[in-house]
Amino acid sequence: MANNCEFCAHYLYDDEEEVYYCDVSLDEDEMEQYMRGTNADCGFFKLYDEYKMVERQN
């Protein structure tokens, strides 16, 4: 599950470009691993928890 971008808090939608993108700044080596698919688990994965966000607003 850690490599499923759809559930990650860093996976954002750009309204102007109408595309999803990862908001994490990767260095050159990390980007190469990502592009080649050699890094099976994303070290930056953070589960997006909608309920936790609402909890803070109360």
PDB file of N, CA and C in Angstrom:
ATOM      1  N   MET A   1       0.807  -1.196   0.000  1.00  0.00           N
ATOM      2  CA  MET A   1       0.000   0.000   0.000  1.00  0.00           C
ATOM      3  C   MET A   1       0.852   1.264   0.000  1.00  0.00           C
ATOM      4  N   ALA A   2       2.073   1.173   0.494  1.00  0.00           N
ATOM      5  CA  ALA A   2       2.919   2.354   0.620  1.00  0.00           C
ATOM      6  C   ALA A   2       3.313   2.960  -0.722  1.00  0.00           C
ATOM      7  N   ASN A   3       3.155   2.239  -1.808  1.00  0.00           N
ATOM      8  CA  ASN A   3       3.509   2.805  -3.102  1.00  0.00           C
ATOM      9  C   ASN A   3       2.274   3.165  -3.929  1.00  0.00           C
ATOM     10  N   ASN A   4       1.088   3.199  -3.330  1.00  0.00           N
ATOM     11  CA  ASN A   4      -0.131   3.553  -4.024  1.00  0.00           C
ATOM     12  C   ASN A   4      -0.376   5.056  -3.881  1.00  0.00           C
ATOM     13  N   CYS A   5      -0.048   5.805  -4.917  1.00  0.00           N
ATOM     14  CA  CYS A   5      -0.093   7.272  -4.864  1.00  0.00           C
ATOM     15  C   CYS A   5      -1.490   7.819  -4.604  1.00  0.00           C
ATOM     16  N   GLU A   6      -2.517   7.133  -5.036  1.00  0.00           N
ATOM     17  CA  GLU A   6      -3.880   7.652  -4.894  1.00  0.00           C
ATOM     18  C   GLU A   6      -4.275   7.875  -3.437  1.00  0.00           C
ATOM     19  N   PHE A   7      -3.639   7.185  -2.508  1.00  0.00           N
ATOM     20  CA  PHE A   7      -3.969   7.307  -1.093  1.00  0.00           C
ATOM     21  C   PHE A   7      -2.966   8.169  -0.331  1.00  0.00           C
ATOM     22  N   CYS A   8      -2.047   8.800  -1.035  1.00  0.00           N
ATOM     23  CA  CYS A   8      -0.983   9.574  -0.405  1.00  0.00           C
ATOM     24  C   CYS A   8      -1.373  11.040  -0.253  1.00  0.00           C
ATOM     25  N   ALA A   9      -0.998  11.641   0.868  1.00  0.00           N
ATOM     26  CA  ALA A   9      -1.288  13.048   1.132  1.00  0.00           C
ATOM     27  C   ALA A   9      -0.487  13.979   0.216  1.00  0.00           C
ATOM     28  N   HIS A  10       0.599  13.482  -0.366  1.00  0.00           N
ATOM     29  CA  HIS A  10       1.439  14.296  -1.245  1.00  0.00           C
ATOM     30  C   HIS A  10       0.974  14.262  -2.701  1.00  0.00           C
ATOM     31  N   TYR A  11      -0.036  13.467  -3.003  1.00  0.00           N
ATOM     32  CA  TYR A  11      -0.536  13.319  -4.366  1.00  0.00           C
ATOM     33  C   TYR A  11      -1.636  14.350  -4.585  1.00  0.00           C
ATOM     34  N   LEU A  12      -1.319  15.418  -5.298  1.00  0.00           N
ATOM     35  CA  LEU A  12      -2.212  16.562  -5.430  1.00  0.00           C
ATOM     36  C   LEU A  12      -2.711  16.727  -6.863  1.00  0.00           C
ATOM     37  N   TYR A  13      -3.823  17.423  -6.998  1.00  0.00           N
ATOM     38  CA  TYR A  13      -4.406  17.688  -8.309  1.00  0.00           C
ATOM     39  C   TYR A  13      -4.184  19.143  -8.674  1.00  0.00           C
ATOM     40  N   ASP A  14      -3.694  19.385  -9.881  1.00  0.00           N
ATOM     41  CA  ASP A  14      -3.472  20.733 -10.396  1.00  0.00           C
ATOM     42  C   ASP A  14      -4.652  21.095 -11.300  1.00  0.00           C
ATOM     43  N   ASP A  15      -5.469  22.055 -10.851  1.00  0.00           N
ATOM     44  CA  ASP A  15      -6.661  22.450 -11.603  1.00  0.00           C
ATOM     45  C   ASP A  15      -6.323  23.063 -12.959  1.00  0.00           C
ATOM     46  N   GLU A  16      -5.267  23.823 -13.022  1.00  0.00           N
ATOM     47  CA  GLU A  16      -4.897  24.479 -14.275  1.00  0.00           C
ATOM     48  C   GLU A  16      -4.427  23.479 -15.330  1.00  0.00           C
ATOM     49  N   GLU A  17      -3.582  22.544 -14.938  1.00  0.00           N
ATOM     50  CA  GLU A  17      -3.043  21.545 -15.865  1.00  0.00           C
ATOM     51  C   GLU A  17      -3.949  20.320 -15.986  1.00  0.00           C
ATOM     52  N   GLU A  18      -4.865  20.172 -15.037  1.00  0.00           N
ATOM     53  CA  GLU A  18      -5.789  19.034 -14.974  1.00  0.00           C
ATOM     54  C   GLU A  18      -5.053  17.693 -14.911  1.00  0.00           C
ATOM     55  N   VAL A  19      -4.031  17.647 -14.050  1.00  0.00           N
ATOM     56  CA  VAL A  19      -3.263  16.421 -13.838  1.00  0.00           C
ATOM     57  C   VAL A  19      -2.954  16.267 -12.352  1.00  0.00           C
ATOM     58  N   TYR A  20      -2.711  15.027 -11.934  1.00  0.00           N
ATOM     59  CA  TYR A  20      -2.241  14.741 -10.580  1.00  0.00           C
ATOM     60  C   TYR A  20      -0.720  14.731 -10.596  1.00  0.00           C
ATOM     61  N   TYR A  21      -0.115  15.121  -9.468  1.00  0.00           N
ATOM     62  CA  TYR A  21       1.334  15.106  -9.367  1.00  0.00           C
ATOM     63  C   TYR A  21       1.746  14.856  -7.922  1.00  0.00           C
ATOM     64  N   CYS A  22       2.970  14.414  -7.753  1.00  0.00           N
ATOM     65  CA  CYS A  22       3.535  14.190  -6.432  1.00  0.00           C
ATOM     66  C   CYS A  22       4.216  15.473  -5.983  1.00  0.00           C
ATOM     67  N   ASP A  23       3.859  15.951  -4.799  1.00  0.00           N
ATOM     68  CA  ASP A  23       4.354  17.222  -4.283  1.00  0.00           C
ATOM     69  C   ASP A  23       5.659  17.089  -3.495  1.00  0.00           C
ATOM     70  N   VAL A  24       6.283  15.936  -3.513  1.00  0.00           N
ATOM     71  CA  VAL A  24       7.520  15.709  -2.769  1.00  0.00           C
ATOM     72  C   VAL A  24       8.708  16.081  -3.648  1.00  0.00           C
ATOM     73  N   SER A  25       9.637  16.834  -3.092  1.00  0.00           N
ATOM     74  CA  SER A  25      10.849  17.208  -3.823  1.00  0.00           C
ATOM     75  C   SER A  25      11.850  16.059  -3.726  1.00  0.00           C
ATOM     76  N   LEU A  26      12.154  15.474  -4.865  1.00  0.00           N
ATOM     77  CA  LEU A  26      13.099  14.362  -4.918  1.00  0.00           C
ATOM     78  C   LEU A  26      14.441  14.855  -5.425  1.00  0.00           C
ATOM     79  N   ASP A  27      15.518  14.282  -4.882  1.00  0.00           N
ATOM     80  CA  ASP A  27      16.822  14.626  -5.429  1.00  0.00           C
ATOM     81  C   ASP A  27      17.033  13.817  -6.709  1.00  0.00           C
ATOM     82  N   GLU A  28      18.146  14.031  -7.371  1.00  0.00           N
ATOM     83  CA  GLU A  28      18.393  13.414  -8.674  1.00  0.00           C
ATOM     84  C   GLU A  28      18.373  11.882  -8.605  1.00  0.00           C
ATOM     85  N   ASP A  29      19.000  11.309  -7.576  1.00  0.00           N
ATOM     86  CA  ASP A  29      19.049   9.854  -7.442  1.00  0.00           C
ATOM     87  C   ASP A  29      17.667   9.266  -7.168  1.00  0.00           C
ATOM     88  N   GLU A  30      16.912   9.923  -6.290  1.00  0.00           N
ATOM     89  CA  GLU A  30      15.567   9.449  -5.969  1.00  0.00           C
ATOM     90  C   GLU A  30      14.647   9.537  -7.190  1.00  0.00           C
ATOM     91  N   MET A  31      14.791  10.594  -7.966  1.00  0.00           N
ATOM     92  CA  MET A  31      13.978  10.743  -9.168  1.00  0.00           C
ATOM     93  C   MET A  31      14.317   9.663 -10.182  1.00  0.00           C
ATOM     94  N   GLU A  32      15.597   9.327 -10.325  1.00  0.00           N
ATOM     95  CA  GLU A  32      15.994   8.268 -11.251  1.00  0.00           C
ATOM     96  C   GLU A  32      15.402   6.936 -10.826  1.00  0.00           C
ATOM     97  N   GLN A  33      15.457   6.627  -9.532  1.00  0.00           N
ATOM     98  CA  GLN A  33      14.866   5.387  -9.028  1.00  0.00           C
ATOM     99  C   GLN A  33      13.368   5.356  -9.288  1.00  0.00           C
ATOM    100  N   TYR A  34      12.709   6.490  -9.084  1.00  0.00           N
ATOM    101  CA  TYR A  34      11.273   6.575  -9.314  1.00  0.00           C
ATOM    102  C   TYR A  34      10.942   6.344 -10.794  1.00  0.00           C
ATOM    103  N   MET A  35      11.679   6.995 -11.679  1.00  0.00           N
ATOM    104  CA  MET A  35      11.415   6.886 -13.113  1.00  0.00           C
ATOM    105  C   MET A  35      11.693   5.477 -13.638  1.00  0.00           C
ATOM    106  N   ARG A  36      12.705   4.816 -13.086  1.00  0.00           N
ATOM    107  CA  ARG A  36      13.040   3.455 -13.507  1.00  0.00           C
ATOM    108  C   ARG A  36      12.160   2.410 -12.826  1.00  0.00           C
ATOM    109  N   GLY A  37      11.510   2.802 -11.756  1.00  0.00           N
ATOM    110  CA  GLY A  37      10.668   1.859 -11.036  1.00  0.00           C
ATOM    111  C   GLY A  37      11.448   0.897 -10.172  1.00  0.00           C
ATOM    112  N   THR A  38      12.690   1.261  -9.805  1.00  0.00           N
ATOM    113  CA  THR A  38      13.519   0.372  -9.009  1.00  0.00           C
ATOM    114  C   THR A  38      13.290   0.540  -7.510  1.00  0.00           C
ATOM    115  N   ASN A  39      12.595   1.583  -7.111  1.00  0.00           N
ATOM    116  CA  ASN A  39      12.316   1.814  -5.695  1.00  0.00           C
ATOM    117  C   ASN A  39      10.884   1.375  -5.422  1.00  0.00           C
ATOM    118  N   ALA A  40      10.707   0.170  -4.895  1.00  0.00           N
ATOM    119  CA  ALA A  40       9.378  -0.407  -4.718  1.00  0.00           C
ATOM    120  C   ALA A  40       8.538   0.335  -3.687  1.00  0.00           C
ATOM    121  N   ASP A  41       9.150   0.778  -2.620  1.00  0.00           N
ATOM    122  CA  ASP A  41       8.422   1.484  -1.569  1.00  0.00           C
ATOM    123  C   ASP A  41       8.824   2.955  -1.542  1.00  0.00           C
ATOM    124  N   CYS A  42       7.816   3.806  -1.505  1.00  0.00           N
ATOM    125  CA  CYS A  42       8.083   5.241  -1.436  1.00  0.00           C
ATOM    126  C   CYS A  42       8.337   5.619   0.018  1.00  0.00           C
ATOM    127  N   GLY A  43       9.488   6.194   0.287  1.00  0.00           N
ATOM    128  CA  GLY A  43       9.837   6.601   1.639  1.00  0.00           C
ATOM    129  C   GLY A  43       9.100   7.840   2.106  1.00  0.00           C
ATOM    130  N   PHE A  44       8.407   8.488   1.197  1.00  0.00           N
ATOM    131  CA  PHE A  44       7.694   9.713   1.530  1.00  0.00           C
ATOM    132  C   PHE A  44       6.192   9.510   1.651  1.00  0.00           C
ATOM    133  N   PHE A  45       5.740   8.267   1.516  1.00  0.00           N
ATOM    134  CA  PHE A  45       4.304   7.984   1.562  1.00  0.00           C
ATOM    135  C   PHE A  45       3.716   8.408   2.902  1.00  0.00           C
ATOM    136  N   LYS A  46       2.624   9.161   2.830  1.00  0.00           N
ATOM    137  CA  LYS A  46       1.897   9.589   4.022  1.00  0.00           C
ATOM    138  C   LYS A  46       0.419   9.411   3.710  1.00  0.00           C
ATOM    139  N   LEU A  47      -0.235   8.541   4.450  1.00  0.00           N
ATOM    140  CA  LEU A  47      -1.632   8.248   4.195  1.00  0.00           C
ATOM    141  C   LEU A  47      -2.484   9.494   4.394  1.00  0.00           C
ATOM    142  N   TYR A  48      -3.280   9.828   3.397  1.00  0.00           N
ATOM    143  CA  TYR A  48      -4.196  10.957   3.490  1.00  0.00           C
ATOM    144  C   TYR A  48      -5.400  10.511   4.302  1.00  0.00           C
ATOM    145  N   ASP A  49      -5.602  11.136   5.440  1.00  0.00           N
ATOM    146  CA  ASP A  49      -6.702  10.778   6.333  1.00  0.00           C
ATOM    147  C   ASP A  49      -7.665  11.949   6.421  1.00  0.00           C
ATOM    148  N   GLU A  50      -8.720  11.880   5.643  1.00  0.00           N
ATOM    149  CA  GLU A  50      -9.708  12.955   5.584  1.00  0.00           C
ATOM    150  C   GLU A  50     -10.354  13.206   6.943  1.00  0.00           C
ATOM    151  N   TYR A  51     -10.575  12.160   7.693  1.00  0.00           N
ATOM    152  CA  TYR A  51     -11.223  12.299   9.003  1.00  0.00           C
ATOM    153  C   TYR A  51     -10.335  13.028  10.001  1.00  0.00           C
ATOM    154  N   LYS A  52      -9.038  12.840   9.906  1.00  0.00           N
ATOM    155  CA  LYS A  52      -8.114  13.527  10.798  1.00  0.00           C
ATOM    156  C   LYS A  52      -8.126  15.025  10.523  1.00  0.00           C
ATOM    157  N   MET A  53      -8.272  15.409   9.261  1.00  0.00           N
ATOM    158  CA  MET A  53      -8.345  16.828   8.891  1.00  0.00           C
ATOM    159  C   MET A  53      -9.613  17.457   9.472  1.00  0.00           C
ATOM    160  N   VAL A  54     -10.733  16.759   9.400  1.00  0.00           N
ATOM    161  CA  VAL A  54     -11.995  17.277   9.914  1.00  0.00           C
ATOM    162  C   VAL A  54     -11.936  17.380  11.437  1.00  0.00           C
ATOM    163  N   GLU A  55     -11.276  16.427  12.065  1.00  0.00           N
ATOM    164  CA  GLU A  55     -11.130  16.408  13.507  1.00  0.00           C
ATOM    165  C   GLU A  55     -10.427  17.668  14.014  1.00  0.00           C
ATOM    166  N   ARG A  56      -9.458  18.164  13.286  1.00  0.00           N
ATOM    167  CA  ARG A  56      -8.722  19.356  13.677  1.00  0.00           C
ATOM    168  C   ARG A  56      -9.567  20.612  13.552  1.00  0.00           C
ATOM    169  N   GLN A  57     -10.546  20.605  12.673  1.00  0.00           N
ATOM    170  CA  GLN A  57     -11.365  21.787  12.444  1.00  0.00           C
ATOM    171  C   GLN A  57     -12.398  21.989  13.564  1.00  0.00           C
ATOM    172  N   ASN A  58     -12.723  20.946  14.302  1.00  0.00           N
ATOM    173  CA  ASN A  58     -13.732  21.050  15.365  1.00  0.00           C
ATOM    174  C   ASN A  58     -13.221  21.767  16.572  1.00  0.00           C
TER     175      ASN A  58
END
